[in-house]
Amino acid sequence: MKTSPKVSKFSLGINVARLRKSHRDLKSQIARELRRPAPCTLALQQLKRRRLQIKDEIARCLEASSTLPPHMA
């Protein structure tokens, strides 16, 4: 993830917090779907795929925040 000059650790931190909440929400949705008598495998596949995408995005944000120049931290 490239960071623009206006990106700061603070804004990346807010984004990571938002992504982590989405990740938790998806985890709950997956658990709820698994508790159903006949879980929908397509829905589970989509939820898990989206959760993995969010996990990857979190990793990119954390990497970007660790590579910010000191004057932008």
Foldseek 3Di string as FASTA:
>chain_A
DDDDLQDALVVLVVVLVVLVVLLVVLVVVLVVQVPDPDRDPVVNVVSVVVSVVSVVVSVVSVVNNVPDPPVRD
